[in-house]
N, C-alpha and C. Protein backbone atom coordinates (compact mmCIF):
# COMPACT_ATOMS: atom_id res chain seq x y z
N MET A 1 0.00 -0.29 -19.67
CA MET A 1 0.39 0.72 -18.69
C MET A 1 1.48 0.18 -17.79
N SER A 2 2.39 1.03 -17.41
CA SER A 2 3.47 0.61 -16.52
C SER A 2 3.59 1.59 -15.37
N ILE A 3 3.44 1.07 -14.15
CA ILE A 3 3.59 1.88 -12.95
C ILE A 3 4.78 1.33 -12.18
N ASP A 4 5.79 2.16 -11.98
CA ASP A 4 6.97 1.72 -11.24
C ASP A 4 6.73 1.84 -9.75
N HIS A 5 7.14 0.83 -9.02
CA HIS A 5 6.98 0.80 -7.57
C HIS A 5 8.31 0.37 -6.98
N GLN A 6 8.88 1.21 -6.13
CA GLN A 6 10.18 0.90 -5.55
C GLN A 6 10.13 1.12 -4.04
N GLY A 7 10.81 0.23 -3.32
CA GLY A 7 10.97 0.44 -1.89
C GLY A 7 12.35 0.97 -1.60
N HIS A 8 12.44 1.89 -0.65
CA HIS A 8 13.74 2.45 -0.31
C HIS A 8 13.65 3.15 1.02
N THR A 9 14.77 3.50 1.57
CA THR A 9 14.83 4.27 2.80
C THR A 9 15.08 5.72 2.45
N TYR A 10 14.11 6.61 2.79
CA TYR A 10 14.18 7.96 2.25
C TYR A 10 15.34 8.77 2.78
N GLU A 11 15.95 8.35 3.91
CA GLU A 11 17.11 9.09 4.40
C GLU A 11 18.27 9.06 3.40
N PHE A 12 18.28 8.05 2.52
CA PHE A 12 19.37 7.90 1.57
C PHE A 12 18.93 8.25 0.15
N GLU A 13 17.91 9.05 0.02
CA GLU A 13 17.45 9.46 -1.29
C GLU A 13 18.53 10.27 -2.01
N PRO A 14 18.79 9.98 -3.27
CA PRO A 14 19.74 10.79 -4.02
C PRO A 14 19.20 12.19 -4.29
N GLN A 15 17.87 12.31 -4.32
CA GLN A 15 17.21 13.60 -4.49
C GLN A 15 15.93 13.57 -3.67
N TYR A 16 15.68 14.62 -2.90
CA TYR A 16 14.58 14.62 -1.94
C TYR A 16 13.26 14.21 -2.59
N GLY A 17 12.60 13.19 -1.99
CA GLY A 17 11.31 12.74 -2.47
C GLY A 17 11.35 11.84 -3.68
N LEU A 18 12.55 11.55 -4.19
CA LEU A 18 12.68 10.78 -5.42
C LEU A 18 13.62 9.59 -5.21
N PRO A 19 13.35 8.45 -5.85
CA PRO A 19 14.20 7.27 -5.66
C PRO A 19 15.52 7.35 -6.41
N GLU A 20 15.63 8.29 -7.35
CA GLU A 20 16.85 8.45 -8.13
C GLU A 20 16.88 9.87 -8.68
N ARG A 21 18.05 10.32 -9.07
CA ARG A 21 18.16 11.66 -9.64
C ARG A 21 17.45 11.72 -10.99
N LEU A 22 16.83 12.86 -11.25
CA LEU A 22 16.09 13.00 -12.49
C LEU A 22 17.05 13.07 -13.67
N PRO A 23 16.65 12.50 -14.81
CA PRO A 23 17.48 12.63 -16.02
C PRO A 23 17.52 14.08 -16.48
N SER A 24 18.39 14.36 -17.41
CA SER A 24 18.64 15.74 -17.82
C SER A 24 17.42 16.39 -18.48
N ASP A 25 16.54 15.57 -19.07
CA ASP A 25 15.37 16.14 -19.75
C ASP A 25 14.14 16.21 -18.86
N GLU A 26 14.32 15.99 -17.56
CA GLU A 26 13.19 16.01 -16.63
C GLU A 26 13.49 16.96 -15.48
N HIS A 27 12.49 17.71 -15.06
CA HIS A 27 12.67 18.65 -13.96
C HIS A 27 11.42 18.68 -13.08
N VAL A 28 11.59 19.14 -11.84
CA VAL A 28 10.49 19.20 -10.88
C VAL A 28 9.63 20.43 -11.18
N VAL A 29 8.34 20.20 -11.32
CA VAL A 29 7.38 21.27 -11.52
C VAL A 29 6.81 21.75 -10.19
N TRP A 30 6.56 20.80 -9.30
CA TRP A 30 6.03 21.10 -7.96
C TRP A 30 6.37 19.95 -7.04
N GLN A 31 6.60 20.28 -5.77
CA GLN A 31 6.85 19.25 -4.77
C GLN A 31 6.29 19.72 -3.44
N GLY A 32 5.65 18.82 -2.70
CA GLY A 32 5.08 19.20 -1.42
C GLY A 32 4.60 17.99 -0.64
N SER A 33 4.08 18.26 0.55
CA SER A 33 3.59 17.23 1.46
C SER A 33 2.21 17.62 1.98
N PRO A 34 1.47 16.67 2.54
CA PRO A 34 0.16 17.02 3.10
C PRO A 34 0.28 17.99 4.27
N GLN A 35 -0.73 18.85 4.42
CA GLN A 35 -0.84 19.67 5.62
C GLN A 35 -1.35 18.79 6.76
N VAL A 36 -0.74 18.93 7.92
CA VAL A 36 -1.05 18.02 9.03
C VAL A 36 -2.52 18.10 9.42
N TRP A 37 -3.03 19.31 9.68
CA TRP A 37 -4.41 19.43 10.16
C TRP A 37 -5.40 19.04 9.07
N ALA A 38 -5.13 19.44 7.83
CA ALA A 38 -6.01 19.06 6.72
C ALA A 38 -6.04 17.55 6.55
N LEU A 39 -4.91 16.89 6.72
CA LEU A 39 -4.86 15.44 6.64
C LEU A 39 -5.60 14.79 7.79
N ALA A 40 -5.41 15.35 9.00
CA ALA A 40 -6.07 14.80 10.19
C ALA A 40 -7.59 14.88 10.07
N THR A 41 -8.10 15.96 9.47
CA THR A 41 -9.55 16.12 9.36
C THR A 41 -10.14 15.35 8.19
N SER A 42 -9.43 15.31 7.06
CA SER A 42 -10.00 14.67 5.87
C SER A 42 -9.78 13.16 5.83
N ALA A 43 -8.60 12.71 6.21
CA ALA A 43 -8.27 11.29 6.12
C ALA A 43 -8.53 10.54 7.42
N PHE A 44 -8.23 11.18 8.54
CA PHE A 44 -8.36 10.51 9.84
C PHE A 44 -9.60 10.95 10.61
N HIS A 45 -10.36 11.88 10.06
CA HIS A 45 -11.65 12.30 10.62
C HIS A 45 -11.56 12.67 12.10
N ILE A 46 -10.56 13.47 12.43
CA ILE A 46 -10.33 13.78 13.84
C ILE A 46 -11.45 14.66 14.41
N ARG A 47 -12.09 15.49 13.59
CA ARG A 47 -13.20 16.31 14.08
C ARG A 47 -14.36 15.43 14.53
N LYS A 48 -14.66 14.39 13.76
CA LYS A 48 -15.74 13.47 14.13
C LYS A 48 -15.38 12.73 15.41
N MET A 49 -14.11 12.37 15.54
CA MET A 49 -13.67 11.70 16.77
C MET A 49 -13.81 12.63 17.98
N MET A 50 -13.50 13.91 17.80
CA MET A 50 -13.62 14.87 18.89
C MET A 50 -15.07 14.98 19.34
N LEU A 51 -15.99 15.03 18.39
CA LEU A 51 -17.41 15.09 18.74
C LEU A 51 -17.87 13.82 19.43
N TYR A 52 -17.38 12.68 18.95
CA TYR A 52 -17.76 11.40 19.55
C TYR A 52 -17.28 11.31 20.99
N PHE A 53 -16.03 11.64 21.23
CA PHE A 53 -15.49 11.58 22.59
C PHE A 53 -16.12 12.64 23.49
N ALA A 54 -16.44 13.79 22.92
CA ALA A 54 -17.11 14.82 23.71
C ALA A 54 -18.47 14.32 24.18
N ALA A 55 -19.17 13.60 23.30
CA ALA A 55 -20.47 13.04 23.67
C ALA A 55 -20.31 11.99 24.77
N LEU A 56 -19.26 11.18 24.68
CA LEU A 56 -19.02 10.17 25.72
C LEU A 56 -18.71 10.83 27.06
N VAL A 57 -17.87 11.86 27.03
CA VAL A 57 -17.53 12.57 28.27
C VAL A 57 -18.78 13.18 28.88
N MET A 58 -19.63 13.81 28.05
CA MET A 58 -20.85 14.41 28.56
C MET A 58 -21.80 13.36 29.13
N ALA A 59 -21.88 12.20 28.46
CA ALA A 59 -22.75 11.14 28.96
C ALA A 59 -22.29 10.64 30.32
N CYS A 60 -20.97 10.55 30.49
CA CYS A 60 -20.44 10.09 31.78
C CYS A 60 -20.61 11.15 32.88
N ALA A 61 -20.51 12.41 32.49
CA ALA A 61 -20.61 13.49 33.47
C ALA A 61 -22.06 13.88 33.77
N TRP A 62 -22.99 13.53 32.90
CA TRP A 62 -24.37 14.02 33.02
C TRP A 62 -25.06 13.63 34.32
N PRO A 63 -24.96 12.39 34.79
CA PRO A 63 -25.65 12.06 36.06
C PRO A 63 -25.25 12.97 37.20
N ALA A 64 -23.95 13.27 37.32
CA ALA A 64 -23.49 14.15 38.39
C ALA A 64 -23.96 15.58 38.16
N LEU A 65 -23.95 16.03 36.92
CA LEU A 65 -24.40 17.39 36.61
C LEU A 65 -25.89 17.53 36.86
N GLU A 66 -26.66 16.53 36.47
CA GLU A 66 -28.12 16.58 36.63
C GLU A 66 -28.53 16.60 38.09
N SER A 67 -27.79 15.87 38.90
CA SER A 67 -28.13 15.81 40.33
C SER A 67 -27.61 17.00 41.10
N GLY A 68 -26.83 17.86 40.46
CA GLY A 68 -26.29 19.03 41.13
C GLY A 68 -25.11 18.72 42.03
N ALA A 69 -24.49 17.59 41.81
CA ALA A 69 -23.33 17.22 42.63
C ALA A 69 -22.16 18.16 42.31
N GLY A 70 -21.17 18.15 43.13
CA GLY A 70 -20.03 19.05 42.98
C GLY A 70 -19.06 18.60 41.90
N ALA A 71 -18.01 19.40 41.77
CA ALA A 71 -17.01 19.15 40.74
C ALA A 71 -16.31 17.81 40.92
N MET A 72 -16.12 17.41 42.17
CA MET A 72 -15.45 16.14 42.43
C MET A 72 -16.26 14.97 41.91
N ALA A 73 -17.58 15.07 42.03
CA ALA A 73 -18.45 14.00 41.53
C ALA A 73 -18.38 13.93 40.00
N VAL A 74 -18.31 15.10 39.36
CA VAL A 74 -18.19 15.12 37.90
C VAL A 74 -16.87 14.50 37.48
N LEU A 75 -15.78 14.88 38.16
CA LEU A 75 -14.47 14.32 37.83
C LEU A 75 -14.44 12.81 38.06
N GLN A 76 -15.13 12.37 39.10
CA GLN A 76 -15.20 10.94 39.38
C GLN A 76 -15.91 10.20 38.24
N GLY A 77 -16.93 10.87 37.68
CA GLY A 77 -17.70 10.25 36.61
C GLY A 77 -16.92 10.11 35.31
N ILE A 78 -15.97 11.01 35.08
CA ILE A 78 -15.24 10.96 33.81
C ILE A 78 -13.79 10.50 33.99
N LYS A 79 -13.48 9.93 35.13
CA LYS A 79 -12.08 9.60 35.42
C LYS A 79 -11.50 8.56 34.47
N TRP A 80 -12.36 7.74 33.87
CA TRP A 80 -11.85 6.75 32.92
C TRP A 80 -11.92 7.24 31.48
N ILE A 81 -13.01 7.90 31.13
CA ILE A 81 -13.20 8.29 29.74
C ILE A 81 -12.29 9.45 29.34
N ALA A 82 -11.98 10.34 30.28
CA ALA A 82 -11.15 11.50 29.94
C ALA A 82 -9.74 11.09 29.49
N PRO A 83 -9.05 10.22 30.24
CA PRO A 83 -7.72 9.78 29.77
C PRO A 83 -7.78 9.03 28.44
N LEU A 84 -8.82 8.20 28.26
CA LEU A 84 -8.96 7.48 26.99
C LEU A 84 -9.19 8.45 25.83
N THR A 85 -9.95 9.50 26.10
CA THR A 85 -10.18 10.53 25.07
C THR A 85 -8.87 11.19 24.67
N ALA A 86 -8.10 11.57 25.66
CA ALA A 86 -6.82 12.23 25.38
C ALA A 86 -5.88 11.31 24.61
N ILE A 87 -5.80 10.05 25.03
CA ILE A 87 -4.92 9.09 24.36
C ILE A 87 -5.36 8.86 22.92
N GLY A 88 -6.68 8.70 22.72
CA GLY A 88 -7.19 8.45 21.38
C GLY A 88 -6.92 9.61 20.42
N LEU A 89 -7.23 10.83 20.87
CA LEU A 89 -7.04 11.99 20.00
C LEU A 89 -5.56 12.28 19.75
N LEU A 90 -4.74 12.13 20.77
CA LEU A 90 -3.30 12.34 20.59
C LEU A 90 -2.70 11.30 19.65
N SER A 91 -3.19 10.07 19.73
CA SER A 91 -2.68 9.01 18.85
C SER A 91 -3.01 9.30 17.39
N VAL A 92 -4.26 9.71 17.15
CA VAL A 92 -4.66 10.03 15.78
C VAL A 92 -3.90 11.25 15.27
N GLY A 93 -3.74 12.26 16.13
CA GLY A 93 -2.97 13.43 15.74
C GLY A 93 -1.53 13.10 15.42
N ALA A 94 -0.93 12.22 16.23
CA ALA A 94 0.46 11.82 15.97
C ALA A 94 0.57 11.03 14.67
N LEU A 95 -0.41 10.17 14.40
CA LEU A 95 -0.40 9.40 13.16
C LEU A 95 -0.50 10.33 11.94
N ALA A 96 -1.36 11.34 12.05
CA ALA A 96 -1.48 12.30 10.95
C ALA A 96 -0.18 13.07 10.77
N TRP A 97 0.46 13.44 11.87
CA TRP A 97 1.71 14.21 11.80
C TRP A 97 2.81 13.38 11.14
N PHE A 98 2.99 12.14 11.60
CA PHE A 98 4.04 11.29 11.03
C PHE A 98 3.75 10.99 9.55
N THR A 99 2.48 10.78 9.22
CA THR A 99 2.13 10.52 7.82
C THR A 99 2.47 11.71 6.94
N ALA A 100 2.11 12.91 7.41
CA ALA A 100 2.39 14.12 6.63
C ALA A 100 3.89 14.35 6.47
N LYS A 101 4.65 14.10 7.53
CA LYS A 101 6.08 14.37 7.49
C LYS A 101 6.86 13.35 6.67
N THR A 102 6.31 12.18 6.44
CA THR A 102 7.02 11.15 5.67
C THR A 102 6.47 10.98 4.26
N THR A 103 5.49 11.79 3.90
CA THR A 103 4.90 11.73 2.56
C THR A 103 5.40 12.90 1.73
N VAL A 104 5.85 12.60 0.53
CA VAL A 104 6.29 13.66 -0.39
C VAL A 104 5.67 13.38 -1.76
N TYR A 105 4.99 14.38 -2.29
CA TYR A 105 4.44 14.31 -3.65
C TYR A 105 5.30 15.18 -4.56
N THR A 106 5.64 14.64 -5.72
CA THR A 106 6.44 15.39 -6.69
C THR A 106 5.78 15.31 -8.05
N VAL A 107 5.60 16.46 -8.67
CA VAL A 107 5.13 16.53 -10.06
C VAL A 107 6.29 17.02 -10.91
N THR A 108 6.69 16.21 -11.88
CA THR A 108 7.72 16.64 -12.83
C THR A 108 7.05 16.89 -14.19
N ASN A 109 7.83 17.22 -15.17
CA ASN A 109 7.28 17.43 -16.51
C ASN A 109 6.96 16.12 -17.21
N LYS A 110 7.21 14.98 -16.53
CA LYS A 110 6.94 13.69 -17.15
C LYS A 110 6.13 12.72 -16.28
N ARG A 111 6.05 12.96 -14.99
CA ARG A 111 5.39 11.99 -14.11
C ARG A 111 5.00 12.62 -12.78
N VAL A 112 4.20 11.84 -12.03
CA VAL A 112 3.88 12.16 -10.65
C VAL A 112 4.55 11.09 -9.79
N VAL A 113 5.31 11.51 -8.81
CA VAL A 113 6.01 10.58 -7.92
C VAL A 113 5.43 10.72 -6.52
N MET A 114 5.09 9.59 -5.90
CA MET A 114 4.53 9.59 -4.55
C MET A 114 5.44 8.78 -3.64
N ARG A 115 6.05 9.44 -2.68
CA ARG A 115 6.86 8.73 -1.68
C ARG A 115 6.00 8.61 -0.42
N LEU A 116 5.71 7.36 -0.02
CA LEU A 116 4.77 7.09 1.05
C LEU A 116 5.36 6.13 2.07
N GLY A 117 4.84 6.17 3.30
CA GLY A 117 5.19 5.17 4.30
C GLY A 117 5.94 5.73 5.48
N ILE A 118 5.47 5.38 6.69
CA ILE A 118 6.14 5.81 7.91
C ILE A 118 7.28 4.86 8.25
N VAL A 119 7.00 3.57 8.25
CA VAL A 119 8.01 2.55 8.59
C VAL A 119 8.63 1.98 7.33
N LEU A 120 7.79 1.41 6.46
CA LEU A 120 8.25 0.85 5.19
C LEU A 120 7.95 1.88 4.11
N THR A 121 8.98 2.50 3.59
CA THR A 121 8.83 3.57 2.61
C THR A 121 8.82 3.00 1.19
N VAL A 122 7.83 3.40 0.41
CA VAL A 122 7.73 2.97 -0.98
C VAL A 122 7.54 4.20 -1.87
N THR A 123 7.91 4.06 -3.13
CA THR A 123 7.76 5.14 -4.09
C THR A 123 6.98 4.63 -5.29
N PHE A 124 5.99 5.40 -5.72
CA PHE A 124 5.21 5.07 -6.91
C PHE A 124 5.45 6.14 -7.97
N ASN A 125 5.80 5.71 -9.17
CA ASN A 125 6.01 6.60 -10.30
C ASN A 125 4.83 6.47 -11.26
N LEU A 126 4.11 7.56 -11.48
CA LEU A 126 2.93 7.55 -12.33
C LEU A 126 3.20 8.45 -13.55
N PRO A 127 3.49 7.87 -14.71
CA PRO A 127 3.75 8.68 -15.91
C PRO A 127 2.54 9.55 -16.25
N LEU A 128 2.79 10.80 -16.64
CA LEU A 128 1.69 11.70 -16.98
C LEU A 128 0.86 11.15 -18.14
N LYS A 129 1.50 10.44 -19.08
CA LYS A 129 0.78 9.89 -20.22
C LYS A 129 -0.19 8.79 -19.82
N GLN A 130 -0.03 8.25 -18.60
CA GLN A 130 -0.92 7.19 -18.13
C GLN A 130 -2.03 7.73 -17.22
N ILE A 131 -2.08 9.04 -17.04
CA ILE A 131 -3.14 9.63 -16.22
C ILE A 131 -4.34 9.92 -17.12
N HIS A 132 -5.46 9.31 -16.80
CA HIS A 132 -6.67 9.44 -17.61
C HIS A 132 -7.51 10.64 -17.17
N ALA A 133 -7.53 10.94 -15.87
CA ALA A 133 -8.34 12.06 -15.36
C ALA A 133 -7.77 12.54 -14.05
N ALA A 134 -8.04 13.80 -13.74
CA ALA A 134 -7.62 14.37 -12.46
C ALA A 134 -8.78 15.17 -11.89
N ASP A 135 -9.30 14.75 -10.76
CA ASP A 135 -10.37 15.46 -10.07
C ASP A 135 -9.80 16.20 -8.89
N VAL A 136 -10.13 17.48 -8.78
CA VAL A 136 -9.60 18.32 -7.72
C VAL A 136 -10.70 18.66 -6.74
N CYS A 137 -10.50 18.29 -5.48
CA CYS A 137 -11.44 18.58 -4.41
C CYS A 137 -10.87 19.74 -3.60
N ILE A 138 -11.54 20.89 -3.65
CA ILE A 138 -11.05 22.10 -2.98
C ILE A 138 -11.88 22.36 -1.73
N ARG A 139 -11.19 22.50 -0.60
CA ARG A 139 -11.87 22.73 0.67
C ARG A 139 -11.67 24.17 1.13
N ALA A 140 -12.32 24.48 2.22
CA ALA A 140 -12.19 25.82 2.80
C ALA A 140 -10.72 26.10 3.12
N GLY A 141 -10.28 27.31 2.81
CA GLY A 141 -8.90 27.67 3.07
C GLY A 141 -7.98 27.41 1.90
N GLY A 142 -8.49 26.74 0.85
CA GLY A 142 -7.67 26.52 -0.34
C GLY A 142 -6.94 25.19 -0.40
N SER A 143 -6.95 24.42 0.69
CA SER A 143 -6.31 23.10 0.65
C SER A 143 -7.25 22.11 -0.02
N GLY A 144 -6.73 20.95 -0.36
CA GLY A 144 -7.59 19.95 -0.98
C GLY A 144 -6.83 18.77 -1.51
N ASP A 145 -7.50 17.97 -2.32
CA ASP A 145 -6.95 16.73 -2.86
C ASP A 145 -7.00 16.76 -4.38
N ILE A 146 -6.05 16.04 -4.98
CA ILE A 146 -6.07 15.82 -6.43
C ILE A 146 -6.10 14.30 -6.64
N HIS A 147 -7.22 13.80 -7.16
CA HIS A 147 -7.39 12.37 -7.41
C HIS A 147 -6.98 12.05 -8.84
N LEU A 148 -6.16 11.04 -9.02
CA LEU A 148 -5.64 10.67 -10.32
C LEU A 148 -6.22 9.33 -10.77
N ALA A 149 -6.98 9.35 -11.84
CA ALA A 149 -7.49 8.12 -12.44
C ALA A 149 -6.51 7.67 -13.51
N LEU A 150 -6.15 6.39 -13.49
CA LEU A 150 -5.10 5.87 -14.36
C LEU A 150 -5.67 5.05 -15.51
N LYS A 151 -4.96 5.07 -16.62
CA LYS A 151 -5.33 4.25 -17.76
C LYS A 151 -4.89 2.81 -17.55
N GLY A 152 -5.40 1.92 -18.40
CA GLY A 152 -4.91 0.55 -18.42
C GLY A 152 -5.46 -0.30 -17.29
N SER A 153 -4.96 -1.53 -17.25
CA SER A 153 -5.47 -2.51 -16.29
C SER A 153 -4.60 -2.64 -15.05
N ASP A 154 -3.36 -2.12 -15.08
CA ASP A 154 -2.49 -2.21 -13.90
C ASP A 154 -3.07 -1.35 -12.78
N ARG A 155 -3.01 -1.86 -11.56
CA ARG A 155 -3.55 -1.15 -10.42
C ARG A 155 -2.59 -1.25 -9.24
N ILE A 156 -2.60 -0.20 -8.42
CA ILE A 156 -1.88 -0.23 -7.15
C ILE A 156 -2.90 -0.56 -6.07
N ALA A 157 -2.57 -1.48 -5.20
CA ALA A 157 -3.52 -1.87 -4.15
C ALA A 157 -3.91 -0.67 -3.30
N TRP A 158 -5.19 -0.59 -2.99
CA TRP A 158 -5.74 0.54 -2.22
C TRP A 158 -5.01 0.67 -0.89
N VAL A 159 -4.75 -0.45 -0.24
CA VAL A 159 -4.12 -0.42 1.08
C VAL A 159 -2.68 0.08 1.00
N HIS A 160 -2.01 -0.13 -0.12
CA HIS A 160 -0.63 0.34 -0.26
C HIS A 160 -0.57 1.86 -0.42
N LEU A 161 -1.64 2.45 -0.91
CA LEU A 161 -1.66 3.89 -1.12
C LEU A 161 -2.20 4.67 0.08
N TRP A 162 -3.05 4.06 0.88
CA TRP A 162 -3.75 4.79 1.94
C TRP A 162 -2.75 5.48 2.88
N PRO A 163 -3.05 6.76 3.28
CA PRO A 163 -4.25 7.52 2.97
C PRO A 163 -4.16 8.35 1.69
N SER A 164 -3.12 8.16 0.88
CA SER A 164 -2.99 8.92 -0.36
C SER A 164 -3.76 8.24 -1.49
N VAL A 165 -5.05 8.07 -1.26
CA VAL A 165 -5.91 7.39 -2.22
C VAL A 165 -7.33 7.91 -2.03
N ARG A 166 -8.09 7.90 -3.09
CA ARG A 166 -9.47 8.38 -3.04
C ARG A 166 -10.34 7.41 -2.25
N ALA A 167 -11.16 7.96 -1.39
CA ALA A 167 -12.02 7.13 -0.53
C ALA A 167 -13.03 6.34 -1.36
N TRP A 168 -13.25 5.10 -0.98
CA TRP A 168 -14.28 4.21 -1.52
C TRP A 168 -14.04 3.77 -2.96
N ARG A 169 -12.89 4.06 -3.52
CA ARG A 169 -12.56 3.53 -4.85
C ARG A 169 -11.66 2.31 -4.66
N ILE A 170 -12.26 1.22 -4.21
CA ILE A 170 -11.49 0.04 -3.82
C ILE A 170 -11.05 -0.77 -5.03
N THR A 171 -11.97 -1.03 -5.96
CA THR A 171 -11.64 -1.90 -7.09
C THR A 171 -10.79 -1.18 -8.14
N ARG A 172 -10.96 0.13 -8.26
CA ARG A 172 -10.13 0.93 -9.16
C ARG A 172 -9.54 2.09 -8.37
N PRO A 173 -8.52 1.81 -7.56
CA PRO A 173 -7.95 2.85 -6.68
C PRO A 173 -7.42 4.04 -7.49
N GLU A 174 -7.63 5.23 -6.94
CA GLU A 174 -7.13 6.45 -7.57
C GLU A 174 -6.10 7.09 -6.64
N PRO A 175 -4.80 7.02 -7.00
CA PRO A 175 -3.78 7.69 -6.20
C PRO A 175 -4.14 9.16 -6.03
N THR A 176 -3.88 9.70 -4.84
CA THR A 176 -4.34 11.04 -4.51
C THR A 176 -3.24 11.86 -3.85
N LEU A 177 -3.05 13.08 -4.37
CA LEU A 177 -2.21 14.05 -3.67
C LEU A 177 -3.11 14.65 -2.59
N ARG A 178 -2.90 14.23 -1.36
CA ARG A 178 -3.87 14.46 -0.29
C ARG A 178 -3.51 15.66 0.58
N ALA A 179 -4.55 16.46 0.88
CA ALA A 179 -4.44 17.55 1.86
C ALA A 179 -3.30 18.51 1.56
N ILE A 180 -3.18 18.91 0.30
CA ILE A 180 -2.09 19.81 -0.07
C ILE A 180 -2.57 21.26 -0.06
N ALA A 181 -1.68 22.16 0.28
CA ALA A 181 -2.01 23.58 0.34
C ALA A 181 -2.13 24.16 -1.07
N ASP A 182 -2.99 25.17 -1.21
CA ASP A 182 -3.16 25.88 -2.48
C ASP A 182 -3.35 24.89 -3.62
N VAL A 183 -4.31 24.02 -3.45
CA VAL A 183 -4.49 22.91 -4.39
C VAL A 183 -4.87 23.41 -5.78
N ASP A 184 -5.53 24.56 -5.87
CA ASP A 184 -5.90 25.09 -7.18
C ASP A 184 -4.66 25.42 -8.00
N ARG A 185 -3.66 26.02 -7.36
CA ARG A 185 -2.40 26.35 -8.05
C ARG A 185 -1.66 25.09 -8.47
N VAL A 186 -1.63 24.10 -7.58
CA VAL A 186 -0.94 22.84 -7.90
C VAL A 186 -1.62 22.13 -9.06
N SER A 187 -2.96 22.14 -9.06
CA SER A 187 -3.68 21.49 -10.15
C SER A 187 -3.40 22.18 -11.49
N SER A 188 -3.22 23.49 -11.46
CA SER A 188 -2.88 24.22 -12.69
C SER A 188 -1.51 23.81 -13.21
N LYS A 189 -0.56 23.63 -12.29
CA LYS A 189 0.77 23.17 -12.69
C LYS A 189 0.71 21.75 -13.27
N LEU A 190 -0.09 20.89 -12.64
CA LEU A 190 -0.24 19.53 -13.14
C LEU A 190 -0.89 19.54 -14.52
N ARG A 191 -1.90 20.35 -14.69
CA ARG A 191 -2.58 20.43 -15.99
C ARG A 191 -1.62 20.90 -17.08
N ALA A 192 -0.80 21.92 -16.77
CA ALA A 192 0.15 22.43 -17.76
C ALA A 192 1.19 21.37 -18.11
N ALA A 193 1.69 20.65 -17.10
CA ALA A 193 2.68 19.59 -17.35
C ALA A 193 2.07 18.47 -18.17
N TRP A 194 0.82 18.11 -17.86
CA TRP A 194 0.14 17.03 -18.60
C TRP A 194 -0.05 17.42 -20.06
N THR A 195 -0.47 18.66 -20.29
CA THR A 195 -0.69 19.15 -21.65
C THR A 195 0.61 19.14 -22.44
N ALA A 196 1.69 19.63 -21.82
CA ALA A 196 2.98 19.68 -22.51
C ALA A 196 3.50 18.28 -22.82
N GLU A 197 3.29 17.33 -21.92
CA GLU A 197 3.81 15.97 -22.11
C GLU A 197 3.00 15.17 -23.12
N THR A 198 1.67 15.33 -23.09
CA THR A 198 0.82 14.52 -23.96
C THR A 198 0.51 15.19 -25.29
N GLY A 199 0.65 16.51 -25.34
CA GLY A 199 0.30 17.23 -26.56
C GLY A 199 -1.19 17.43 -26.73
N LEU A 200 -1.97 17.06 -25.72
CA LEU A 200 -3.43 17.20 -25.76
C LEU A 200 -3.85 18.44 -24.97
N GLN A 201 -4.97 19.02 -25.33
CA GLN A 201 -5.46 20.20 -24.65
C GLN A 201 -6.33 19.77 -23.47
N ALA A 202 -6.01 20.27 -22.30
CA ALA A 202 -6.78 19.93 -21.10
C ALA A 202 -7.92 20.92 -20.93
N ASN A 203 -9.12 20.39 -20.79
CA ASN A 203 -10.28 21.22 -20.51
C ASN A 203 -10.58 21.18 -19.02
N THR A 204 -11.20 22.22 -18.51
CA THR A 204 -11.55 22.27 -17.09
C THR A 204 -13.06 22.42 -16.97
N ARG A 205 -13.66 21.57 -16.16
CA ARG A 205 -15.09 21.63 -15.92
C ARG A 205 -15.34 21.64 -14.42
N ALA A 206 -16.05 22.63 -13.95
CA ALA A 206 -16.30 22.78 -12.51
C ALA A 206 -17.69 22.26 -12.17
N GLN A 207 -17.80 21.67 -11.01
CA GLN A 207 -19.08 21.23 -10.46
C GLN A 207 -19.24 21.76 -9.05
N ASP A 208 -20.49 22.08 -8.70
CA ASP A 208 -20.80 22.51 -7.34
C ASP A 208 -19.90 23.67 -6.91
N PRO A 209 -20.15 24.88 -7.43
CA PRO A 209 -19.28 26.02 -7.10
C PRO A 209 -19.49 26.51 -5.67
N SER A 210 -19.18 25.66 -4.73
CA SER A 210 -19.35 25.98 -3.31
C SER A 210 -18.00 25.89 -2.62
N GLU A 211 -18.01 25.95 -1.32
CA GLU A 211 -16.76 25.90 -0.56
C GLU A 211 -16.06 24.57 -0.74
N HIS A 212 -16.84 23.50 -0.89
CA HIS A 212 -16.29 22.16 -1.10
C HIS A 212 -16.70 21.72 -2.49
N ARG A 213 -15.82 21.85 -3.48
CA ARG A 213 -16.19 21.60 -4.85
C ARG A 213 -15.18 20.68 -5.53
N VAL A 214 -15.59 20.19 -6.67
CA VAL A 214 -14.74 19.31 -7.47
C VAL A 214 -14.53 19.93 -8.84
N VAL A 215 -13.31 19.94 -9.30
CA VAL A 215 -12.98 20.44 -10.63
C VAL A 215 -12.38 19.30 -11.43
N HIS A 216 -12.96 19.02 -12.59
CA HIS A 216 -12.45 17.95 -13.46
C HIS A 216 -11.49 18.56 -14.47
N LEU A 217 -10.26 18.11 -14.47
CA LEU A 217 -9.29 18.56 -15.47
C LEU A 217 -9.47 17.72 -16.72
N GLN A 218 -9.77 18.37 -17.84
CA GLN A 218 -9.97 17.71 -19.11
C GLN A 218 -11.27 16.92 -19.12
N GLY A 219 -12.06 17.03 -18.06
CA GLY A 219 -13.24 16.19 -17.98
C GLY A 219 -12.79 14.77 -17.73
N SER A 220 -11.99 14.20 -18.65
CA SER A 220 -11.37 12.90 -18.42
C SER A 220 -9.94 12.89 -18.95
N LEU A 221 -9.34 14.06 -19.08
CA LEU A 221 -7.95 14.19 -19.55
C LEU A 221 -7.69 13.28 -20.74
N THR A 222 -8.58 13.27 -21.70
CA THR A 222 -8.40 12.44 -22.89
C THR A 222 -8.54 13.29 -24.13
């Protein structure tokens, strides 16, 4: 298996999201970036952080509330935790925003290209013929993730892919198109491109037909 990895500055891309112009026999099937809020909730767990900080604020304010003290006493009780809460949530939100704005996923008729990185930008080229399986995680609203399991022994380090990587797959990292809109439509385009490139028929198997479900393309795309 061969996975190309290139570093570059995306401002000087010859073609948006790509390290070089596509050859004449290759074309873009789909291109997109993570949704900011979907990325913030799924990768950065901002909802859990909001609940955690809300609990801290309530714990600090509770003595004053329980004693029936006035508003000034309540404000005095949370004077330190409130600014820290705002700074923490704004920092995570900004990180999610910058990550989404600097990440570009491209599916062509021959490969999946992932341009990642806020400061140090890198590009990973994943040939469709080297994709062993694709699991689609669909969330409420239609956004979701597409996890790509790769053939062969070559691996991309989990830390180099994060957050565009499947959670807890450390030893065998799975590159992931993370928090993309209308993920069902995108997965259909990927399946069609994979079938055309490999000449194999992709089967679809659904599990847990609920709001948060996983769809296996080809079962194992083999």
